[in-house]
Amino acid sequence: MKFIKFIKFAILLPIILLLGCKKEEAILESETPPKYFYLVTVDQPNALKLFNLLNLKIENEDVFYSVNKAKLGEISQITEYRGFIYIFQKNAHRLTIVSADDLLLLKNLEWNEDSRQPSSITFANATTGFISFSDTSLVEVLDLTNFQIAQKIPTPSPISFLESVEQYVVGLSPLANEITIIDSRTYSVVKTIKTSDYPFSANYNPDKKTLFVLCAGEGKFDSTKPKTPSKIGLYEPPNFTNIIETIINIGSISSTEIVPTGIVSYGKYFGYIPTLSGLLRFSLSNPNQIQRYIAGEFYFSMLDFKREWLIALSKSNDQTYLYLINPLNAAVISRHLINQAVLLAFPK
């Protein structure tokens, strides 16, 4: 049940676009996957397991504890930026910062006093990060030179997801159906935009100079509400004009039944949406051109910028498939079956 709960709250074309790409799920044998991943699993959600992808074995049940002799809280998401890893423990009201090389603890940011739940972080530049909270209408500015909170920015509503877009920080508020635009130079809210139902994930594509916003629709994470369609919205900075909004449709599955879990784009051609009905692929030039690329219950995805790979997880009973995909041409590099229910995976 914990695995299902995580999926519900989880921290991607037509024939012309397929020319020059491999067949669906074709494996590229020439590309070598990373040897190690950090895994967070259902049975130990507060541990970082070291997983050897080559032999599919756990080599360390909790690397963080081995290094620091301390336990993490329940891990909700992981982000890396410029040699540091940021480990979110939303329910413990904590954000832990460690060295990416060896997981050595550098700083714990705590919000126990007012029980705030950190929800997202984005980085405007090499010295400035922005942290949002899913239960508080506030964004805090993190000085990356000393990991101290330098500023607090009131927002119209609580923000669950942040994305950097040029000099702006974009925040998504699913319950308010709002996008908040913050100027990272003045630390002030400059615009608020109403969206379709439940905006919860976004991705800025610098090649297209476009922000892609994914709206799950109502009734996907709250069964008391009537279901509404899932949609993709396209916004152009600096005014963030909504230039396109398209309903997500795939074959016989209604857009009101599609449960998306994130959105990723990379390069000039493809975007990806993991859903509980499969991994979807769409054209960045025309998001109406969308298809189910790989079948399965996909609940997690991330871009590995070091290797320029898309990492995606799909559920299979109490097991997990880990996919490595080339996001530029949509070819599957490899697929691995992990004999555990994995909440999230992060390349070492």
Protein backbone atom coordinates (compact mmCIF):
# COMPACT_ATOMS: atom_id res chain seq x y z
CA MET A 1 0.00 0.00 0.00
CA LYS A 2 2.92 2.36 0.68
CA PHE A 3 4.08 1.86 -2.91
CA ILE A 4 0.65 2.71 -4.27
CA LYS A 5 0.44 5.75 -2.00
CA PHE A 6 3.82 6.94 -3.28
CA ILE A 7 2.71 6.59 -6.87
CA LYS A 8 -0.41 8.64 -6.18
CA PHE A 9 1.54 11.50 -4.71
CA ALA A 10 4.85 11.29 -6.50
CA ILE A 11 9.33 13.51 -6.00
CA LEU A 12 7.96 11.15 -20.65
CA LEU A 13 4.66 10.80 -32.45
CA PRO A 14 3.65 10.21 -35.24
CA ILE A 15 5.49 8.26 -38.00
CA ILE A 16 7.36 11.24 -39.42
CA LEU A 17 9.07 11.90 -36.11
CA LEU A 18 9.95 8.24 -35.73
CA LEU A 19 12.11 8.20 -38.85
CA GLY A 20 15.72 7.96 -37.80
CA CYS A 21 14.79 6.52 -34.37
CA LYS A 22 15.07 2.93 -33.20
CA LYS A 23 12.03 0.71 -32.90
CA GLU A 24 10.11 0.83 -29.63
CA GLU A 25 12.21 -0.54 -26.76
CA ALA A 26 15.17 -1.25 -29.05
CA ILE A 27 18.31 -1.63 -26.90
CA LEU A 28 21.49 0.24 -27.77
CA GLU A 29 24.27 -2.20 -26.85
CA SER A 30 27.06 0.32 -27.48
CA GLU A 31 26.23 2.62 -24.58
CA THR A 32 27.43 1.72 -21.09
CA PRO A 33 25.09 2.42 -18.16
CA PRO A 34 26.39 3.78 -14.84
CA LYS A 35 27.58 1.01 -12.53
CA TYR A 36 25.92 2.29 -9.36
CA PHE A 37 22.60 3.81 -8.37
CA TYR A 38 21.25 4.99 -5.05
CA LEU A 39 17.86 3.38 -4.44
CA VAL A 40 15.10 4.28 -2.01
CA THR A 41 12.79 1.31 -1.49
CA VAL A 42 9.37 0.73 0.03
CA ASP A 43 10.73 -1.46 2.81
CA GLN A 44 13.36 1.13 3.85
CA PRO A 45 12.20 4.61 2.74
CA ASN A 46 14.73 6.33 5.02
CA ALA A 47 17.81 4.54 3.61
CA LEU A 48 20.00 5.14 0.56
CA LYS A 49 20.86 1.71 -0.80
CA LEU A 50 23.88 1.32 -3.07
CA PHE A 51 22.76 -0.76 -6.04
CA ASN A 52 25.14 -2.35 -8.54
CA LEU A 53 23.38 -2.19 -11.91
CA LEU A 54 25.79 -4.68 -13.51
CA ASN A 55 25.00 -7.58 -11.20
CA LEU A 56 21.64 -6.25 -9.91
CA LYS A 57 22.72 -6.55 -6.26
CA ILE A 58 22.54 -4.25 -3.24
CA GLU A 59 26.11 -3.65 -2.04
CA ASN A 60 25.27 -1.38 0.90
CA GLU A 61 21.90 -1.24 2.70
CA ASP A 62 22.38 2.40 3.76
CA VAL A 63 25.33 4.37 2.38
CA PHE A 64 24.35 7.56 4.20
CA TYR A 65 24.41 5.79 7.57
CA SER A 66 27.72 4.08 6.76
CA VAL A 67 29.34 7.46 6.06
CA ASN A 68 27.68 9.68 8.69
CA LYS A 69 26.50 7.26 11.43
CA ALA A 70 23.10 8.97 11.32
CA LYS A 71 19.74 8.05 9.82
CA LEU A 72 17.71 10.05 7.35
CA GLY A 73 13.97 10.58 7.58
CA GLU A 74 11.63 9.18 4.94
CA ILE A 75 13.14 10.32 1.62
CA SER A 76 10.74 12.08 -0.75
CA GLN A 77 13.13 13.24 -3.49
CA ILE A 78 16.79 13.78 -4.39
CA THR A 79 18.42 16.54 -6.46
CA GLU A 80 22.04 17.16 -7.42
CA TYR A 81 23.63 20.49 -8.32
CA ARG A 82 27.30 21.42 -8.71
CA GLY A 83 28.77 18.63 -6.61
CA PHE A 84 26.14 18.62 -3.86
CA ILE A 85 23.15 16.33 -3.33
CA TYR A 86 19.96 17.65 -1.73
CA ILE A 87 17.90 14.97 0.05
CA PHE A 88 14.31 15.93 0.84
CA GLN A 89 12.58 14.41 3.87
CA LYS A 90 9.25 16.16 3.62
CA ASN A 91 7.53 14.44 6.53
CA ALA A 92 10.54 15.05 8.77
CA HIS A 93 10.50 18.78 7.78
CA ARG A 94 14.13 18.50 6.70
CA LEU A 95 16.45 19.04 3.74
CA THR A 96 19.83 17.33 4.02
CA ILE A 97 22.79 18.54 1.95
CA VAL A 98 25.69 16.15 1.31
CA SER A 99 28.78 15.93 -0.86
CA ALA A 100 28.02 14.16 -4.15
CA ASP A 101 31.39 12.38 -4.02
CA ASP A 102 31.01 10.53 -0.73
CA LEU A 103 27.62 11.54 0.82
CA LEU A 104 29.40 13.29 3.69
CA LEU A 105 26.88 15.38 5.63
CA LEU A 106 27.37 19.13 5.15
CA LYS A 107 24.15 20.68 6.42
CA ASN A 108 20.69 19.84 7.72
CA LEU A 109 18.06 22.49 7.10
CA GLU A 110 15.24 21.96 9.59
CA TRP A 111 11.70 23.37 9.69
CA ASN A 112 10.42 21.45 12.73
CA GLU A 113 9.41 24.57 14.63
CA ASP A 114 6.52 25.37 12.32
CA SER A 115 6.28 21.87 10.73
CA ARG A 116 6.88 23.11 7.19
CA GLN A 117 7.25 20.48 4.45
CA PRO A 118 9.98 21.31 1.90
CA SER A 119 8.68 20.36 -1.53
CA SER A 120 11.14 21.48 -4.20
CA ILE A 121 14.41 23.27 -4.92
CA THR A 122 15.73 25.02 -8.01
CA PHE A 123 18.91 26.94 -8.71
CA ALA A 124 18.91 30.37 -10.32
CA ASN A 125 22.70 30.52 -10.50
CA ALA A 126 25.83 29.04 -8.92
CA THR A 127 25.29 30.80 -5.59
CA THR A 128 21.52 30.93 -5.17
CA GLY A 129 18.88 28.28 -4.60
CA PHE A 130 15.14 28.59 -4.00
CA ILE A 131 13.18 26.24 -1.70
CA SER A 132 9.39 25.87 -1.69
CA PHE A 133 6.98 24.33 0.81
CA SER A 134 3.86 22.33 0.00
CA ASP A 135 1.97 23.60 3.05
CA THR A 136 3.21 27.21 3.37
CA SER A 137 2.89 30.23 1.06
CA LEU A 138 6.59 30.97 1.17
CA VAL A 139 9.77 30.47 -0.86
CA GLU A 140 13.12 30.68 0.91
CA VAL A 141 16.36 31.76 -0.77
CA LEU A 142 19.34 29.54 0.01
CA ASP A 143 22.87 30.98 -0.13
CA LEU A 144 24.87 28.16 -1.70
CA THR A 145 28.18 29.53 -0.44
CA ASN A 146 27.30 28.78 3.19
CA PHE A 147 23.97 26.91 2.99
CA GLN A 148 22.19 29.57 5.03
CA ILE A 149 18.72 30.97 4.38
CA ALA A 150 19.30 34.49 3.06
CA GLN A 151 15.79 35.69 2.18
CA LYS A 152 12.12 34.78 2.43
CA ILE A 153 9.61 35.48 -0.34
CA PRO A 154 5.85 35.39 0.41
CA THR A 155 3.84 33.73 -2.37
CA PRO A 156 0.10 33.81 -3.18
CA SER A 157 -0.28 30.08 -2.38
CA PRO A 158 1.83 27.08 -1.31
CA ILE A 159 4.13 25.79 -4.06
CA SER A 160 4.89 22.12 -4.66
CA PHE A 161 7.26 22.40 -7.63
CA LEU A 162 9.93 24.90 -8.75
CA GLU A 163 11.67 25.34 -12.10
CA SER A 164 14.30 27.87 -13.19
CA VAL A 165 13.54 29.73 -16.42
CA GLU A 166 16.30 32.16 -17.40
CA GLN A 167 16.35 34.79 -14.61
CA TYR A 168 12.98 33.67 -13.27
CA VAL A 169 11.86 31.01 -10.82
CA VAL A 170 8.54 29.39 -11.69
CA GLY A 171 6.43 27.85 -8.93
CA LEU A 172 3.44 25.54 -9.37
CA SER A 173 0.51 25.48 -6.93
CA PRO A 174 -1.66 22.40 -7.67
CA LEU A 175 -4.45 23.17 -5.22
CA ALA A 176 -4.75 26.82 -6.32
CA ASN A 177 -4.30 26.06 -10.07
CA GLU A 178 -1.67 28.78 -10.25
CA ILE A 179 1.79 29.51 -11.62
CA THR A 180 3.85 32.00 -9.62
CA ILE A 181 6.68 33.85 -11.38
CA ILE A 182 9.53 35.08 -9.16
CA ASP A 183 12.33 37.38 -10.37
CA SER A 184 15.52 35.79 -8.99
CA ARG A 185 17.32 39.14 -9.14
CA THR A 186 14.86 41.10 -7.00
CA TYR A 187 13.46 38.18 -4.94
CA SER A 188 9.93 39.30 -5.66
CA VAL A 189 6.78 37.82 -7.19
CA VAL A 190 6.21 39.51 -10.56
CA LYS A 191 3.28 37.55 -11.95
CA THR A 192 0.63 34.98 -11.10
CA ILE A 193 -1.05 32.93 -13.83
CA LYS A 194 -4.16 30.78 -13.61
CA THR A 195 -3.84 27.32 -15.17
CA SER A 196 -5.87 24.21 -15.87
CA ASP A 197 -6.57 21.79 -13.03
CA TYR A 198 -3.71 20.64 -10.79
CA PRO A 199 -0.42 21.93 -12.28
CA PHE A 200 2.23 19.84 -10.55
CA SER A 201 5.25 19.39 -12.82
CA ALA A 202 7.11 21.58 -15.32
CA ASN A 203 10.19 21.54 -17.49
CA TYR A 204 11.96 24.41 -19.24
CA ASN A 205 13.50 23.55 -22.60
CA PRO A 206 16.21 26.12 -23.47
CA ASP A 207 16.46 24.82 -27.05
CA LYS A 208 12.81 25.65 -27.61
CA LYS A 209 12.80 28.57 -25.12
CA THR A 210 9.54 27.14 -23.84
CA LEU A 211 8.21 26.14 -20.43
CA PHE A 212 6.15 22.95 -20.52
CA VAL A 213 3.63 22.73 -17.64
CA LEU A 214 1.87 19.46 -16.86
CA CYS A 215 -1.61 19.64 -15.33
CA ALA A 216 -2.82 16.30 -13.98
CA GLY A 217 -6.47 17.30 -13.81
CA GLU A 218 -8.77 16.93 -10.82
CA GLY A 219 -9.75 13.60 -9.33
CA LYS A 220 -6.38 11.89 -9.97
CA PHE A 221 -4.98 12.25 -6.46
CA ASP A 222 -8.25 13.07 -4.67
CA SER A 223 -11.04 10.60 -5.40
CA THR A 224 -13.67 12.89 -3.86
CA LYS A 225 -13.46 15.25 -6.85
CA PRO A 226 -14.86 14.63 -10.34
CA LYS A 227 -12.15 13.81 -12.87
CA THR A 228 -11.00 16.39 -15.42
CA PRO A 229 -8.58 15.97 -18.36
CA SER A 230 -4.80 15.93 -18.08
CA LYS A 231 -3.19 18.71 -20.14
CA ILE A 232 0.13 20.16 -21.29
CA GLY A 233 0.49 23.94 -21.37
CA LEU A 234 3.27 25.81 -23.20
CA TYR A 235 4.49 29.18 -21.91
CA GLU A 236 7.02 31.57 -23.42
CA PRO A 237 9.26 33.73 -21.21
CA PRO A 238 9.71 36.52 -20.29
CA ASN A 239 5.96 37.29 -20.27
CA PHE A 240 5.01 33.62 -19.87
CA THR A 241 2.24 33.85 -22.42
CA ASN A 242 0.27 30.61 -22.74
CA ILE A 243 0.76 29.81 -26.43
CA ILE A 244 -0.66 26.26 -26.51
CA GLU A 245 -2.70 24.01 -24.26
CA THR A 246 -3.40 20.46 -25.34
CA ILE A 247 -5.34 17.59 -23.80
CA ILE A 248 -3.35 14.38 -23.31
CA ASN A 249 -5.01 11.58 -25.28
CA ILE A 250 -3.57 8.14 -25.98
CA GLY A 251 -5.69 5.70 -27.96
CA SER A 252 -8.57 4.20 -26.05
CA ILE A 253 -7.58 5.73 -22.69
CA SER A 254 -9.53 8.88 -21.86
CA SER A 255 -7.61 11.96 -20.74
CA THR A 256 -9.70 11.95 -17.56
CA GLU A 257 -8.30 8.48 -16.73
CA ILE A 258 -4.64 9.26 -17.45
CA VAL A 259 -2.60 9.75 -14.25
CA PRO A 260 0.65 11.55 -15.18
CA THR A 261 3.54 11.62 -12.70
CA GLY A 262 5.95 14.11 -14.27
CA ILE A 263 7.27 15.73 -17.44
CA VAL A 264 10.74 15.85 -18.97
CA SER A 265 12.12 17.36 -22.19
CA TYR A 266 15.61 17.48 -23.61
CA GLY A 267 17.01 18.67 -26.93
CA LYS A 268 14.85 19.83 -29.82
CA TYR A 269 12.56 16.93 -30.57
CA PHE A 270 11.02 14.89 -27.77
CA GLY A 271 9.33 15.29 -24.41
CA TYR A 272 8.32 12.46 -22.07
CA ILE A 273 5.48 12.00 -19.59
CA PRO A 274 5.52 8.99 -17.25
CA THR A 275 1.96 7.90 -16.47
CA LEU A 276 0.33 4.92 -14.79
CA SER A 277 -0.81 3.95 -18.31
CA GLY A 278 2.66 3.98 -19.87
CA LEU A 279 5.59 6.22 -20.76
CA LEU A 280 4.32 8.82 -23.24
CA ARG A 281 6.41 10.61 -25.84
CA PHE A 282 5.39 13.86 -27.51
CA SER A 283 6.75 16.28 -30.08
CA LEU A 284 8.22 19.45 -28.60
CA SER A 285 7.19 21.33 -31.74
CA ASN A 286 3.64 20.01 -31.68
CA PRO A 287 2.55 18.53 -28.32
CA ASN A 288 -0.67 17.29 -29.94
CA GLN A 289 1.53 14.59 -31.50
CA ILE A 290 1.70 12.21 -28.54
CA GLN A 291 1.80 8.43 -28.19
CA ARG A 292 2.35 5.72 -25.63
CA TYR A 293 5.98 4.80 -26.17
CA ILE A 294 6.46 2.03 -23.56
CA ALA A 295 3.69 0.15 -21.77
CA GLY A 296 3.76 -0.08 -17.97
CA GLU A 297 2.94 1.79 -14.75
CA PHE A 298 5.52 4.58 -14.82
CA TYR A 299 5.72 6.63 -11.64
CA PHE A 300 9.21 8.19 -11.63
CA SER A 301 11.53 9.89 -14.12
CA MET A 302 14.56 12.16 -14.06
CA LEU A 303 17.25 13.43 -16.42
CA ASP A 304 20.84 12.46 -15.76
CA PHE A 305 22.51 15.55 -17.20
CA LYS A 306 26.02 14.11 -16.81
CA ARG A 307 25.29 11.28 -19.23
CA GLU A 308 22.35 12.93 -21.02
CA TRP A 309 20.08 10.01 -20.18
CA LEU A 310 16.48 9.75 -19.09
CA ILE A 311 15.92 7.43 -16.12
CA ALA A 312 12.42 6.03 -15.66
CA LEU A 313 10.89 3.52 -13.25
CA SER A 314 7.85 1.35 -13.81
CA LYS A 315 6.04 -0.86 -11.30
CA SER A 316 5.62 -4.58 -11.81
CA ASN A 317 3.93 -6.16 -8.76
CA ASP A 318 6.61 -5.98 -6.03
CA GLN A 319 9.37 -5.51 -8.58
CA THR A 320 10.63 -2.53 -10.55
CA TYR A 321 11.85 -1.99 -14.09
CA LEU A 322 14.56 0.65 -14.44
CA TYR A 323 14.82 2.13 -17.94
CA LEU A 324 17.73 4.13 -19.34
CA ILE A 325 16.64 6.11 -22.42
CA ASN A 326 18.43 8.45 -24.81
CA PRO A 327 16.16 11.52 -24.63
CA LEU A 328 17.50 12.96 -27.90
CA ASN A 329 16.35 10.14 -30.17
CA ALA A 330 14.03 8.27 -27.75
CA ALA A 331 16.00 5.01 -28.04
CA VAL A 332 16.00 2.68 -25.04
CA ILE A 333 19.59 2.09 -23.92
CA SER A 334 18.82 -0.66 -21.42
CA ARG A 335 16.15 -2.09 -19.15
CA HIS A 336 16.81 -3.73 -15.79
CA LEU A 337 14.54 -5.73 -13.48
CA ILE A 338 15.04 -4.95 -9.78
CA ASN A 339 13.55 -7.48 -7.36
CA GLN A 340 12.34 -4.78 -4.98
CA ALA A 341 9.64 -2.12 -4.94
CA VAL A 342 11.69 1.03 -5.60
CA LEU A 343 10.41 4.50 -4.75
CA LEU A 344 13.14 6.44 -6.54
CA ALA A 345 16.55 5.88 -8.16
CA PHE A 346 19.47 8.26 -8.45
CA PRO A 347 22.73 7.65 -10.39
CA LYS A 348 25.93 7.71 -8.35
